[in-house]
Amino acid sequence: QHEGTGSKPSSNAAKEISLAKNVQWEYMGDQDNQLHGPFTTEQMLGWVQSGYFVGAQRVKIRTIQEEEKEEQVELSTQEDLMADLLDDDEEEEKSPPAKKLKTSIVKGDWMWSNEVDYKKYL
């Protein structure tokens, strides 16, 4: 029984997350209430096929995915001054603002481990 966690696992896992090949998993330990992971889909599938995380041993799990977004970056004052010093005096076409990729972790909704079709994530 899962009490005191504040969130109820979803009963319809398929609609919750976009299926992606780079997905990993974490689970909330039934005994220790600690987060465990990340684990690959192959690991989760192997454990479920071996009888873990099913029936009375089910646990709350969720997906973890890395998401990369391109972000405009502001130059620091020092970088801006250096760019001005190195720039020749001719009026050139302004270069576009600097951009860089930012990686963030996206976590899915909690669901029961015995309700997930892990093969869809392979």
N, C-alpha and C. Protein backbone atom coordinates (compact mmCIF):
# COMPACT_ATOMS: atom_id res chain seq x y z
N GLN A 1 0.84 -1.18 0.00
CA GLN A 1 0.00 0.00 0.00
C GLN A 1 0.89 1.24 0.00
N HIS A 2 0.49 2.24 -0.78
CA HIS A 2 1.32 3.43 -0.93
C HIS A 2 0.61 4.61 -0.31
N GLU A 3 0.99 4.95 0.90
CA GLU A 3 0.37 6.08 1.59
C GLU A 3 1.42 7.14 1.88
N GLY A 4 0.97 8.36 1.98
CA GLY A 4 1.86 9.43 2.37
C GLY A 4 2.75 9.96 1.26
N THR A 5 2.54 9.53 0.02
CA THR A 5 3.39 10.02 -1.06
C THR A 5 2.80 11.22 -1.76
N GLY A 6 1.51 11.46 -1.57
CA GLY A 6 0.90 12.66 -2.12
C GLY A 6 0.50 12.57 -3.57
N SER A 7 0.86 11.50 -4.27
CA SER A 7 0.45 11.39 -5.66
C SER A 7 -0.07 9.99 -5.92
N LYS A 8 -1.10 9.93 -6.70
CA LYS A 8 -1.71 8.65 -7.02
C LYS A 8 -1.21 8.22 -8.40
N PRO A 9 -0.71 7.01 -8.54
CA PRO A 9 -0.24 6.56 -9.84
C PRO A 9 -1.37 6.56 -10.87
N SER A 10 -0.99 6.81 -12.08
CA SER A 10 -1.96 6.84 -13.16
C SER A 10 -2.37 5.43 -13.54
N SER A 11 -3.63 5.27 -13.91
CA SER A 11 -4.08 3.95 -14.32
C SER A 11 -3.97 3.77 -15.82
N ASN A 12 -3.77 4.86 -16.56
CA ASN A 12 -3.63 4.75 -18.01
C ASN A 12 -2.26 5.27 -18.42
N ALA A 13 -1.28 4.41 -18.34
CA ALA A 13 0.10 4.81 -18.57
C ALA A 13 0.38 5.18 -20.02
N ALA A 14 -0.30 4.54 -20.96
CA ALA A 14 0.03 4.73 -22.37
C ALA A 14 -0.15 6.17 -22.84
N LYS A 15 -1.15 6.87 -22.32
CA LYS A 15 -1.38 8.23 -22.78
C LYS A 15 -0.45 9.24 -22.11
N GLU A 16 0.23 8.84 -21.07
CA GLU A 16 1.00 9.77 -20.26
C GLU A 16 2.28 10.28 -20.93
N ILE A 17 2.94 9.42 -21.66
CA ILE A 17 4.28 9.75 -22.12
C ILE A 17 4.42 9.43 -23.60
N SER A 18 5.22 10.22 -24.27
CA SER A 18 5.52 9.88 -25.65
C SER A 18 6.55 8.75 -25.60
N LEU A 19 6.34 7.75 -26.42
CA LEU A 19 7.26 6.61 -26.41
C LEU A 19 8.56 7.02 -27.09
N ALA A 20 9.63 6.86 -26.40
CA ALA A 20 10.92 7.26 -26.94
C ALA A 20 11.95 6.18 -26.63
N LYS A 21 12.93 6.09 -27.51
CA LYS A 21 13.96 5.06 -27.36
C LYS A 21 14.96 5.40 -26.26
N ASN A 22 15.09 6.67 -25.91
CA ASN A 22 16.09 7.07 -24.92
C ASN A 22 15.51 7.20 -23.52
N VAL A 23 14.35 6.60 -23.32
CA VAL A 23 13.70 6.72 -22.02
C VAL A 23 14.40 5.83 -20.99
N GLN A 24 14.47 6.34 -19.76
CA GLN A 24 14.95 5.55 -18.64
C GLN A 24 13.88 5.60 -17.56
N TRP A 25 14.07 4.82 -16.52
CA TRP A 25 13.04 4.66 -15.50
C TRP A 25 13.61 4.85 -14.11
N GLU A 26 12.76 5.33 -13.21
CA GLU A 26 13.08 5.31 -11.79
C GLU A 26 11.85 4.82 -11.05
N TYR A 27 12.09 4.23 -9.88
CA TYR A 27 10.95 3.74 -9.11
C TYR A 27 11.07 4.17 -7.66
N MET A 28 9.92 4.22 -7.00
CA MET A 28 9.85 4.55 -5.59
C MET A 28 9.84 3.25 -4.81
N GLY A 29 10.85 3.04 -4.00
CA GLY A 29 10.96 1.81 -3.22
C GLY A 29 9.78 1.63 -2.29
N ASP A 30 9.22 0.45 -2.28
CA ASP A 30 8.05 0.14 -1.44
C ASP A 30 8.42 0.11 0.03
N GLN A 31 9.60 -0.42 0.33
CA GLN A 31 10.04 -0.55 1.73
C GLN A 31 10.65 0.74 2.27
N ASP A 32 11.50 1.38 1.44
CA ASP A 32 12.28 2.52 1.95
C ASP A 32 11.78 3.88 1.49
N ASN A 33 10.78 3.92 0.60
CA ASN A 33 10.26 5.18 0.05
C ASN A 33 11.36 6.06 -0.56
N GLN A 34 12.40 5.42 -1.06
CA GLN A 34 13.49 6.14 -1.72
C GLN A 34 13.37 5.98 -3.23
N LEU A 35 13.84 6.98 -3.98
CA LEU A 35 13.89 6.87 -5.43
C LEU A 35 15.09 6.01 -5.82
N HIS A 36 14.87 5.11 -6.76
CA HIS A 36 15.94 4.25 -7.27
C HIS A 36 15.99 4.41 -8.79
N GLY A 37 17.19 4.53 -9.33
CA GLY A 37 17.32 4.65 -10.77
C GLY A 37 18.35 5.71 -11.11
N PRO A 38 18.54 5.99 -12.36
CA PRO A 38 17.75 5.52 -13.49
C PRO A 38 18.16 4.14 -13.97
N PHE A 39 17.19 3.45 -14.56
CA PHE A 39 17.40 2.13 -15.14
C PHE A 39 16.92 2.14 -16.58
N THR A 40 17.52 1.29 -17.40
CA THR A 40 17.11 1.19 -18.79
C THR A 40 15.80 0.40 -18.90
N THR A 41 15.16 0.53 -20.03
CA THR A 41 13.94 -0.25 -20.29
C THR A 41 14.25 -1.74 -20.27
N GLU A 42 15.41 -2.12 -20.79
CA GLU A 42 15.80 -3.52 -20.81
C GLU A 42 15.92 -4.08 -19.39
N GLN A 43 16.49 -3.29 -18.48
CA GLN A 43 16.60 -3.73 -17.09
C GLN A 43 15.21 -3.91 -16.46
N MET A 44 14.34 -2.94 -16.66
CA MET A 44 12.99 -3.01 -16.09
C MET A 44 12.24 -4.22 -16.65
N LEU A 45 12.33 -4.43 -17.94
CA LEU A 45 11.65 -5.56 -18.58
C LEU A 45 12.17 -6.89 -18.02
N GLY A 46 13.48 -6.99 -17.86
CA GLY A 46 14.08 -8.20 -17.31
C GLY A 46 13.59 -8.50 -15.90
N TRP A 47 13.51 -7.46 -15.08
CA TRP A 47 13.05 -7.65 -13.70
C TRP A 47 11.58 -8.07 -13.65
N VAL A 48 10.76 -7.43 -14.48
CA VAL A 48 9.33 -7.78 -14.51
C VAL A 48 9.16 -9.23 -14.99
N GLN A 49 9.91 -9.62 -16.02
CA GLN A 49 9.83 -10.99 -16.53
C GLN A 49 10.33 -12.01 -15.51
N SER A 50 11.18 -11.57 -14.58
CA SER A 50 11.68 -12.45 -13.52
C SER A 50 10.77 -12.44 -12.29
N GLY A 51 9.67 -11.69 -12.36
CA GLY A 51 8.70 -11.71 -11.26
C GLY A 51 8.80 -10.55 -10.29
N TYR A 52 9.71 -9.60 -10.55
CA TYR A 52 9.82 -8.44 -9.68
C TYR A 52 8.86 -7.35 -10.15
N PHE A 53 8.43 -6.51 -9.24
CA PHE A 53 7.60 -5.34 -9.54
C PHE A 53 6.23 -5.69 -10.12
N VAL A 54 5.73 -6.90 -9.87
CA VAL A 54 4.41 -7.30 -10.33
C VAL A 54 3.59 -7.80 -9.14
N GLY A 55 2.28 -7.86 -9.32
CA GLY A 55 1.42 -8.35 -8.26
C GLY A 55 1.56 -7.52 -7.00
N ALA A 56 1.72 -8.19 -5.87
CA ALA A 56 1.86 -7.50 -4.59
C ALA A 56 3.18 -6.72 -4.49
N GLN A 57 4.12 -7.02 -5.39
CA GLN A 57 5.42 -6.34 -5.39
C GLN A 57 5.45 -5.12 -6.32
N ARG A 58 4.30 -4.75 -6.85
CA ARG A 58 4.30 -3.61 -7.77
C ARG A 58 4.79 -2.35 -7.05
N VAL A 59 5.40 -1.47 -7.82
CA VAL A 59 5.91 -0.20 -7.28
C VAL A 59 5.51 0.92 -8.22
N LYS A 60 5.59 2.13 -7.73
CA LYS A 60 5.35 3.29 -8.58
C LYS A 60 6.61 3.56 -9.39
N ILE A 61 6.45 3.75 -10.68
CA ILE A 61 7.58 4.06 -11.56
C ILE A 61 7.23 5.25 -12.42
N ARG A 62 8.26 5.86 -12.98
CA ARG A 62 8.05 6.93 -13.96
C ARG A 62 9.24 6.98 -14.90
N THR A 63 9.00 7.59 -16.04
CA THR A 63 10.05 7.71 -17.04
C THR A 63 10.91 8.93 -16.75
N ILE A 64 12.12 8.87 -17.27
CA ILE A 64 13.06 9.99 -17.20
C ILE A 64 13.64 10.14 -18.61
N GLN A 65 13.57 11.34 -19.16
CA GLN A 65 14.13 11.58 -20.48
C GLN A 65 14.92 12.88 -20.47
N GLU A 66 16.02 12.89 -21.23
CA GLU A 66 16.76 14.12 -21.42
C GLU A 66 16.15 14.84 -22.62
N GLU A 67 15.98 16.15 -22.48
CA GLU A 67 15.42 16.94 -23.57
C GLU A 67 16.37 18.10 -23.82
N GLU A 68 16.74 18.27 -25.10
CA GLU A 68 17.64 19.37 -25.44
C GLU A 68 16.85 20.47 -26.11
N LYS A 69 17.08 21.71 -25.65
CA LYS A 69 16.43 22.88 -26.23
C LYS A 69 17.51 23.88 -26.60
N GLU A 70 17.31 24.54 -27.74
CA GLU A 70 18.23 25.59 -28.14
C GLU A 70 17.78 26.88 -27.46
N GLU A 71 18.71 27.56 -26.82
CA GLU A 71 18.39 28.77 -26.08
C GLU A 71 19.29 29.91 -26.51
N GLN A 72 18.71 31.10 -26.59
CA GLN A 72 19.51 32.29 -26.87
C GLN A 72 20.31 32.62 -25.62
N VAL A 73 21.57 32.93 -25.82
CA VAL A 73 22.45 33.18 -24.69
C VAL A 73 22.90 34.64 -24.73
N GLU A 74 22.79 35.32 -23.63
CA GLU A 74 23.28 36.69 -23.52
C GLU A 74 24.77 36.64 -23.22
N LEU A 75 25.53 37.48 -23.93
CA LEU A 75 26.95 37.56 -23.64
C LEU A 75 27.17 38.34 -22.35
N SER A 76 28.17 37.93 -21.61
CA SER A 76 28.52 38.70 -20.42
C SER A 76 29.12 40.02 -20.88
N THR A 77 29.21 40.99 -19.99
CA THR A 77 29.80 42.29 -20.33
C THR A 77 31.21 42.11 -20.86
N GLN A 78 31.97 41.25 -20.24
CA GLN A 78 33.35 41.02 -20.66
C GLN A 78 33.39 40.42 -22.06
N GLU A 79 32.55 39.41 -22.32
CA GLU A 79 32.51 38.79 -23.64
C GLU A 79 32.07 39.80 -24.70
N ASP A 80 31.10 40.66 -24.35
CA ASP A 80 30.59 41.66 -25.28
C ASP A 80 31.69 42.68 -25.61
N LEU A 81 32.45 43.13 -24.60
CA LEU A 81 33.55 44.06 -24.83
C LEU A 81 34.63 43.45 -25.69
N MET A 82 34.97 42.19 -25.42
CA MET A 82 35.99 41.50 -26.22
C MET A 82 35.54 41.38 -27.67
N ALA A 83 34.29 41.06 -27.88
CA ALA A 83 33.77 40.96 -29.24
C ALA A 83 33.87 42.30 -29.95
N ASP A 84 33.56 43.40 -29.23
CA ASP A 84 33.67 44.74 -29.82
C ASP A 84 35.12 45.07 -30.14
N LEU A 85 36.05 44.73 -29.26
CA LEU A 85 37.46 45.03 -29.50
C LEU A 85 38.00 44.25 -30.69
N LEU A 86 37.58 43.02 -30.83
CA LEU A 86 38.08 42.17 -31.91
C LEU A 86 37.39 42.44 -33.24
N ASP A 87 36.26 43.10 -33.18
CA ASP A 87 35.49 43.40 -34.37
C ASP A 87 36.15 44.54 -35.12
N ASP A 88 36.24 44.43 -36.45
CA ASP A 88 36.81 45.57 -37.18
C ASP A 88 35.76 46.67 -37.28
N ASP A 89 36.22 47.87 -37.65
CA ASP A 89 35.36 49.04 -37.61
C ASP A 89 34.36 49.10 -38.76
N GLU A 90 34.54 48.25 -39.75
CA GLU A 90 33.60 48.28 -40.87
C GLU A 90 32.23 47.84 -40.38
N GLU A 91 31.23 48.50 -40.92
CA GLU A 91 29.87 48.09 -40.56
C GLU A 91 29.57 46.79 -41.29
N GLU A 92 29.43 45.76 -40.54
CA GLU A 92 29.11 44.46 -41.12
C GLU A 92 27.70 44.09 -40.72
N GLU A 93 27.25 43.06 -41.36
CA GLU A 93 25.94 42.54 -40.98
C GLU A 93 26.03 42.04 -39.54
N LYS A 94 25.07 42.44 -38.74
CA LYS A 94 25.07 42.01 -37.33
C LYS A 94 24.95 40.50 -37.25
N SER A 95 25.78 39.89 -36.43
CA SER A 95 25.67 38.44 -36.26
C SER A 95 24.50 38.15 -35.34
N PRO A 96 23.85 37.03 -35.57
CA PRO A 96 22.71 36.68 -34.72
C PRO A 96 23.16 36.41 -33.30
N PRO A 97 22.26 36.56 -32.36
CA PRO A 97 22.63 36.28 -30.96
C PRO A 97 23.13 34.84 -30.80
N ALA A 98 24.03 34.66 -29.87
CA ALA A 98 24.58 33.33 -29.62
C ALA A 98 23.50 32.40 -29.10
N LYS A 99 23.58 31.14 -29.51
CA LYS A 99 22.63 30.14 -29.03
C LYS A 99 23.42 28.93 -28.54
N LYS A 100 22.86 28.24 -27.57
CA LYS A 100 23.49 27.01 -27.12
C LYS A 100 22.39 26.02 -26.75
N LEU A 101 22.77 24.75 -26.72
CA LEU A 101 21.82 23.71 -26.35
C LEU A 101 21.80 23.56 -24.84
N LYS A 102 20.61 23.52 -24.29
CA LYS A 102 20.45 23.31 -22.85
C LYS A 102 19.75 21.98 -22.66
N THR A 103 20.31 21.13 -21.83
CA THR A 103 19.71 19.83 -21.56
C THR A 103 18.95 19.89 -20.25
N SER A 104 17.73 19.40 -20.29
CA SER A 104 16.94 19.33 -19.06
C SER A 104 16.37 17.92 -18.93
N ILE A 105 16.04 17.55 -17.72
CA ILE A 105 15.48 16.23 -17.45
C ILE A 105 13.96 16.36 -17.33
N VAL A 106 13.26 15.56 -18.10
CA VAL A 106 11.80 15.56 -18.06
C VAL A 106 11.35 14.26 -17.43
N LYS A 107 10.57 14.36 -16.35
CA LYS A 107 10.10 13.17 -15.65
C LYS A 107 8.62 12.97 -15.94
N GLY A 108 8.25 11.73 -16.24
CA GLY A 108 6.86 11.40 -16.52
C GLY A 108 6.04 11.28 -15.26
N ASP A 109 4.76 11.02 -15.44
CA ASP A 109 3.87 10.83 -14.31
C ASP A 109 4.08 9.45 -13.69
N TRP A 110 3.76 9.34 -12.41
CA TRP A 110 3.87 8.06 -11.72
C TRP A 110 2.82 7.10 -12.26
N MET A 111 3.21 5.83 -12.39
CA MET A 111 2.30 4.76 -12.81
C MET A 111 2.73 3.48 -12.11
N TRP A 112 1.87 2.48 -12.14
CA TRP A 112 2.21 1.20 -11.51
C TRP A 112 3.09 0.37 -12.43
N SER A 113 4.09 -0.26 -11.86
CA SER A 113 5.07 -1.03 -12.64
C SER A 113 4.45 -2.20 -13.40
N ASN A 114 3.36 -2.75 -12.89
CA ASN A 114 2.76 -3.91 -13.56
C ASN A 114 1.75 -3.50 -14.64
N GLU A 115 1.59 -2.20 -14.90
CA GLU A 115 0.66 -1.74 -15.93
C GLU A 115 1.36 -1.18 -17.16
N VAL A 116 2.68 -1.28 -17.19
CA VAL A 116 3.45 -0.72 -18.30
C VAL A 116 3.84 -1.81 -19.28
N ASP A 117 3.67 -1.53 -20.58
CA ASP A 117 4.15 -2.44 -21.63
C ASP A 117 5.56 -1.96 -22.01
N TYR A 118 6.56 -2.49 -21.33
CA TYR A 118 7.93 -2.02 -21.51
C TYR A 118 8.43 -2.26 -22.93
N LYS A 119 7.91 -3.27 -23.61
CA LYS A 119 8.36 -3.59 -24.97
C LYS A 119 8.11 -2.42 -25.94
N LYS A 120 7.11 -1.60 -25.63
CA LYS A 120 6.83 -0.43 -26.49
C LYS A 120 7.94 0.61 -26.42
N TYR A 121 8.77 0.52 -25.41
CA TYR A 121 9.83 1.50 -25.22
C TYR A 121 11.19 1.03 -25.76
N LEU A 122 11.21 -0.17 -26.30
CA LEU A 122 12.48 -0.71 -26.82
C LEU A 122 12.75 -0.22 -28.23
